[in-house]
Amino acid sequence: MSFLGRLFKREEQPEAPAEATELYPHTAISLRWENADDVGDDKRATRFDCTACGASFMPEEAERVRAETGQRLKETFR
C-alpha cells in the first residue's frame, strides 16, 4: 500500500482479471507518426494508441486488434 493510501486509510483495489483486459474492445485507436511529413498517411504510422485505456500497439498488432474489434462489434450488434 502506498504512503498516501495508508495515511488516508484507503483499501487497496483488487486487480482486474486478466480475461477482462484481453476482451477490451480498443475502439478508440489513434495513429502516431515519427516524421511530420508522414502525418495523414495511415500506412506510415509507427504507433497506434488506444485513447480510452492508453495501450500502445505496433502497426502489425494494431491491424490484428482492429480486425478482432470489428468482428466483436459485429457479433455484439447483430
N, C-alpha and C. Protein backbone atom coordinates (compact mmCIF):
# COMPACT_ATOMS: atom_id res chain seq x y z
N MET A 1 0.85 -1.17 0.00
CA MET A 1 0.00 0.00 0.00
C MET A 1 0.90 1.23 0.00
N SER A 2 0.48 2.25 -0.72
CA SER A 2 1.28 3.46 -0.81
C SER A 2 1.19 4.28 0.48
N PHE A 3 2.08 5.22 0.60
CA PHE A 3 2.12 6.08 1.78
C PHE A 3 0.80 6.85 1.93
N LEU A 4 0.32 7.46 0.83
CA LEU A 4 -0.92 8.23 0.90
C LEU A 4 -2.11 7.32 1.18
N GLY A 5 -2.07 6.11 0.67
CA GLY A 5 -3.15 5.16 0.95
C GLY A 5 -3.22 4.82 2.41
N ARG A 6 -2.06 4.62 3.04
CA ARG A 6 -2.04 4.34 4.48
C ARG A 6 -2.46 5.57 5.27
N LEU A 7 -2.00 6.74 4.81
CA LEU A 7 -2.31 7.98 5.50
C LEU A 7 -3.82 8.23 5.53
N PHE A 8 -4.50 8.00 4.41
CA PHE A 8 -5.94 8.23 4.33
C PHE A 8 -6.74 6.95 4.52
N LYS A 9 -6.07 5.89 4.94
CA LYS A 9 -6.69 4.60 5.25
C LYS A 9 -7.55 4.07 4.10
N ARG A 10 -6.98 4.12 2.90
CA ARG A 10 -7.67 3.59 1.73
C ARG A 10 -7.33 2.11 1.58
N GLU A 11 -8.33 1.36 1.20
CA GLU A 11 -8.12 -0.06 0.95
C GLU A 11 -7.54 -0.23 -0.45
N GLU A 12 -6.71 -1.21 -0.64
CA GLU A 12 -6.17 -1.49 -1.96
C GLU A 12 -7.27 -2.05 -2.84
N GLN A 13 -7.29 -1.62 -4.10
CA GLN A 13 -8.28 -2.09 -5.05
C GLN A 13 -7.83 -3.44 -5.60
N PRO A 14 -8.74 -4.40 -5.72
CA PRO A 14 -8.35 -5.68 -6.32
C PRO A 14 -8.01 -5.48 -7.79
N GLU A 15 -7.06 -6.28 -8.27
CA GLU A 15 -6.66 -6.18 -9.67
C GLU A 15 -7.74 -6.77 -10.56
N ALA A 16 -7.85 -6.20 -11.76
CA ALA A 16 -8.83 -6.70 -12.73
C ALA A 16 -8.37 -8.06 -13.24
N PRO A 17 -9.29 -8.97 -13.48
CA PRO A 17 -8.90 -10.27 -14.01
C PRO A 17 -8.26 -10.13 -15.38
N ALA A 18 -7.33 -11.02 -15.69
CA ALA A 18 -6.60 -10.96 -16.96
C ALA A 18 -7.54 -11.10 -18.15
N GLU A 19 -8.61 -11.86 -18.00
CA GLU A 19 -9.56 -12.07 -19.09
C GLU A 19 -10.20 -10.77 -19.53
N ALA A 20 -10.50 -9.90 -18.59
CA ALA A 20 -11.19 -8.65 -18.91
C ALA A 20 -10.32 -7.76 -19.79
N THR A 21 -9.02 -7.72 -19.56
CA THR A 21 -8.16 -6.87 -20.37
C THR A 21 -7.99 -7.44 -21.77
N GLU A 22 -8.07 -8.75 -21.93
CA GLU A 22 -7.94 -9.33 -23.25
C GLU A 22 -9.17 -9.07 -24.10
N LEU A 23 -10.33 -8.88 -23.48
CA LEU A 23 -11.56 -8.66 -24.21
C LEU A 23 -11.88 -7.18 -24.38
N TYR A 24 -11.01 -6.33 -23.93
CA TYR A 24 -11.24 -4.89 -24.05
C TYR A 24 -11.31 -4.52 -25.53
N PRO A 25 -12.32 -3.76 -25.97
CA PRO A 25 -12.52 -3.57 -27.40
C PRO A 25 -11.58 -2.60 -28.11
N HIS A 26 -10.86 -1.72 -27.45
CA HIS A 26 -9.95 -0.76 -28.11
C HIS A 26 -10.61 -0.12 -29.33
N THR A 27 -11.75 0.50 -29.13
CA THR A 27 -12.46 1.11 -30.25
C THR A 27 -12.00 2.52 -30.58
N ALA A 28 -11.19 3.11 -29.73
CA ALA A 28 -10.73 4.49 -29.94
C ALA A 28 -9.22 4.51 -30.20
N ILE A 29 -8.80 3.97 -31.32
CA ILE A 29 -7.37 3.91 -31.63
C ILE A 29 -6.97 5.11 -32.48
N SER A 30 -5.93 5.82 -32.03
CA SER A 30 -5.42 6.96 -32.78
C SER A 30 -4.03 6.62 -33.29
N LEU A 31 -3.68 7.21 -34.42
CA LEU A 31 -2.40 6.92 -35.06
C LEU A 31 -1.34 7.93 -34.63
N ARG A 32 -0.09 7.47 -34.60
CA ARG A 32 1.04 8.32 -34.25
C ARG A 32 2.13 8.12 -35.31
N TRP A 33 2.80 9.23 -35.67
CA TRP A 33 3.85 9.18 -36.68
C TRP A 33 5.15 9.71 -36.09
N GLU A 34 6.27 9.24 -36.61
CA GLU A 34 7.59 9.71 -36.18
C GLU A 34 7.98 10.99 -36.91
N ASN A 35 7.65 11.09 -38.19
CA ASN A 35 8.04 12.24 -39.01
C ASN A 35 6.82 13.07 -39.37
N ALA A 36 6.97 14.39 -39.35
CA ALA A 36 5.87 15.29 -39.68
C ALA A 36 5.41 15.09 -41.13
N ASP A 37 6.32 14.72 -42.03
CA ASP A 37 5.97 14.51 -43.43
C ASP A 37 5.03 13.31 -43.61
N ASP A 38 5.04 12.38 -42.68
CA ASP A 38 4.23 11.17 -42.78
C ASP A 38 2.81 11.33 -42.24
N VAL A 39 2.54 12.41 -41.53
CA VAL A 39 1.24 12.61 -40.89
C VAL A 39 0.14 12.58 -41.93
N GLY A 40 -0.89 11.80 -41.65
CA GLY A 40 -2.02 11.67 -42.54
C GLY A 40 -1.99 10.41 -43.38
N ASP A 41 -0.81 9.79 -43.51
CA ASP A 41 -0.69 8.55 -44.28
C ASP A 41 -0.74 7.37 -43.30
N ASP A 42 -1.88 6.68 -43.28
CA ASP A 42 -2.08 5.58 -42.33
C ASP A 42 -1.01 4.50 -42.45
N LYS A 43 -0.51 4.28 -43.64
CA LYS A 43 0.49 3.21 -43.84
C LYS A 43 1.85 3.57 -43.26
N ARG A 44 2.09 4.84 -42.99
CA ARG A 44 3.37 5.27 -42.43
C ARG A 44 3.32 5.49 -40.92
N ALA A 45 2.17 5.21 -40.30
CA ALA A 45 2.05 5.36 -38.85
C ALA A 45 2.99 4.37 -38.17
N THR A 46 3.66 4.81 -37.14
CA THR A 46 4.62 3.96 -36.43
C THR A 46 4.06 3.39 -35.14
N ARG A 47 2.98 3.98 -34.63
CA ARG A 47 2.39 3.52 -33.39
C ARG A 47 0.90 3.83 -33.39
N PHE A 48 0.14 2.99 -32.73
CA PHE A 48 -1.30 3.16 -32.61
C PHE A 48 -1.63 3.14 -31.13
N ASP A 49 -2.30 4.18 -30.64
CA ASP A 49 -2.63 4.29 -29.22
C ASP A 49 -4.14 4.22 -29.02
N CYS A 50 -4.55 3.46 -28.03
CA CYS A 50 -5.96 3.43 -27.63
C CYS A 50 -6.17 4.61 -26.69
N THR A 51 -6.97 5.57 -27.12
CA THR A 51 -7.17 6.76 -26.30
C THR A 51 -8.03 6.49 -25.07
N ALA A 52 -8.75 5.38 -25.06
CA ALA A 52 -9.59 5.04 -23.92
C ALA A 52 -8.79 4.44 -22.77
N CYS A 53 -7.85 3.53 -23.08
CA CYS A 53 -7.12 2.85 -21.99
C CYS A 53 -5.63 3.16 -21.98
N GLY A 54 -5.11 3.78 -23.04
CA GLY A 54 -3.70 4.14 -23.06
C GLY A 54 -2.77 3.08 -23.61
N ALA A 55 -3.30 1.95 -24.06
CA ALA A 55 -2.46 0.89 -24.62
C ALA A 55 -1.86 1.33 -25.96
N SER A 56 -0.63 0.90 -26.23
CA SER A 56 0.04 1.22 -27.50
C SER A 56 0.28 -0.05 -28.28
N PHE A 57 0.14 0.05 -29.60
CA PHE A 57 0.30 -1.10 -30.48
C PHE A 57 1.23 -0.75 -31.63
N MET A 58 2.02 -1.72 -32.06
CA MET A 58 2.81 -1.59 -33.27
C MET A 58 1.87 -1.80 -34.45
N PRO A 59 2.25 -1.41 -35.67
CA PRO A 59 1.34 -1.50 -36.82
C PRO A 59 0.73 -2.89 -37.05
N GLU A 60 1.54 -3.95 -36.97
CA GLU A 60 1.01 -5.30 -37.21
C GLU A 60 0.00 -5.69 -36.13
N GLU A 61 0.33 -5.36 -34.90
CA GLU A 61 -0.54 -5.68 -33.78
C GLU A 61 -1.84 -4.86 -33.86
N ALA A 62 -1.74 -3.61 -34.30
CA ALA A 62 -2.92 -2.76 -34.43
C ALA A 62 -3.88 -3.31 -35.47
N GLU A 63 -3.37 -3.84 -36.57
CA GLU A 63 -4.24 -4.44 -37.58
C GLU A 63 -5.02 -5.62 -37.00
N ARG A 64 -4.34 -6.44 -36.21
CA ARG A 64 -4.99 -7.58 -35.57
C ARG A 64 -6.06 -7.09 -34.60
N VAL A 65 -5.73 -6.09 -33.79
CA VAL A 65 -6.67 -5.56 -32.80
C VAL A 65 -7.88 -4.96 -33.50
N ARG A 66 -7.66 -4.22 -34.58
CA ARG A 66 -8.77 -3.62 -35.33
C ARG A 66 -9.69 -4.69 -35.90
N ALA A 67 -9.10 -5.74 -36.46
CA ALA A 67 -9.91 -6.82 -37.04
C ALA A 67 -10.73 -7.53 -35.96
N GLU A 68 -10.09 -7.84 -34.83
CA GLU A 68 -10.80 -8.50 -33.74
C GLU A 68 -11.90 -7.61 -33.17
N THR A 69 -11.62 -6.32 -33.03
CA THR A 69 -12.60 -5.39 -32.50
C THR A 69 -13.79 -5.27 -33.45
N GLY A 70 -13.52 -5.17 -34.73
CA GLY A 70 -14.59 -5.10 -35.71
C GLY A 70 -15.48 -6.33 -35.67
N GLN A 71 -14.86 -7.50 -35.59
CA GLN A 71 -15.62 -8.75 -35.52
C GLN A 71 -16.46 -8.81 -34.25
N ARG A 72 -15.88 -8.42 -33.12
CA ARG A 72 -16.59 -8.44 -31.85
C ARG A 72 -17.77 -7.48 -31.87
N LEU A 73 -17.59 -6.30 -32.46
CA LEU A 73 -18.69 -5.34 -32.53
C LEU A 73 -19.81 -5.84 -33.45
N LYS A 74 -19.45 -6.48 -34.55
CA LYS A 74 -20.47 -7.05 -35.44
C LYS A 74 -21.29 -8.09 -34.72
N GLU A 75 -20.62 -8.95 -33.95
CA GLU A 75 -21.32 -10.00 -33.21
C GLU A 75 -22.21 -9.41 -32.12
N THR A 76 -21.74 -8.35 -31.50
CA THR A 76 -22.49 -7.73 -30.41
C THR A 76 -23.78 -7.08 -30.90
N PHE A 77 -23.72 -6.42 -32.06
CA PHE A 77 -24.87 -5.67 -32.55
C PHE A 77 -25.68 -6.38 -33.61
N ARG A 78 -25.61 -7.68 -33.67
CA ARG A 78 -26.44 -8.44 -34.61
C ARG A 78 -27.84 -8.47 -34.16
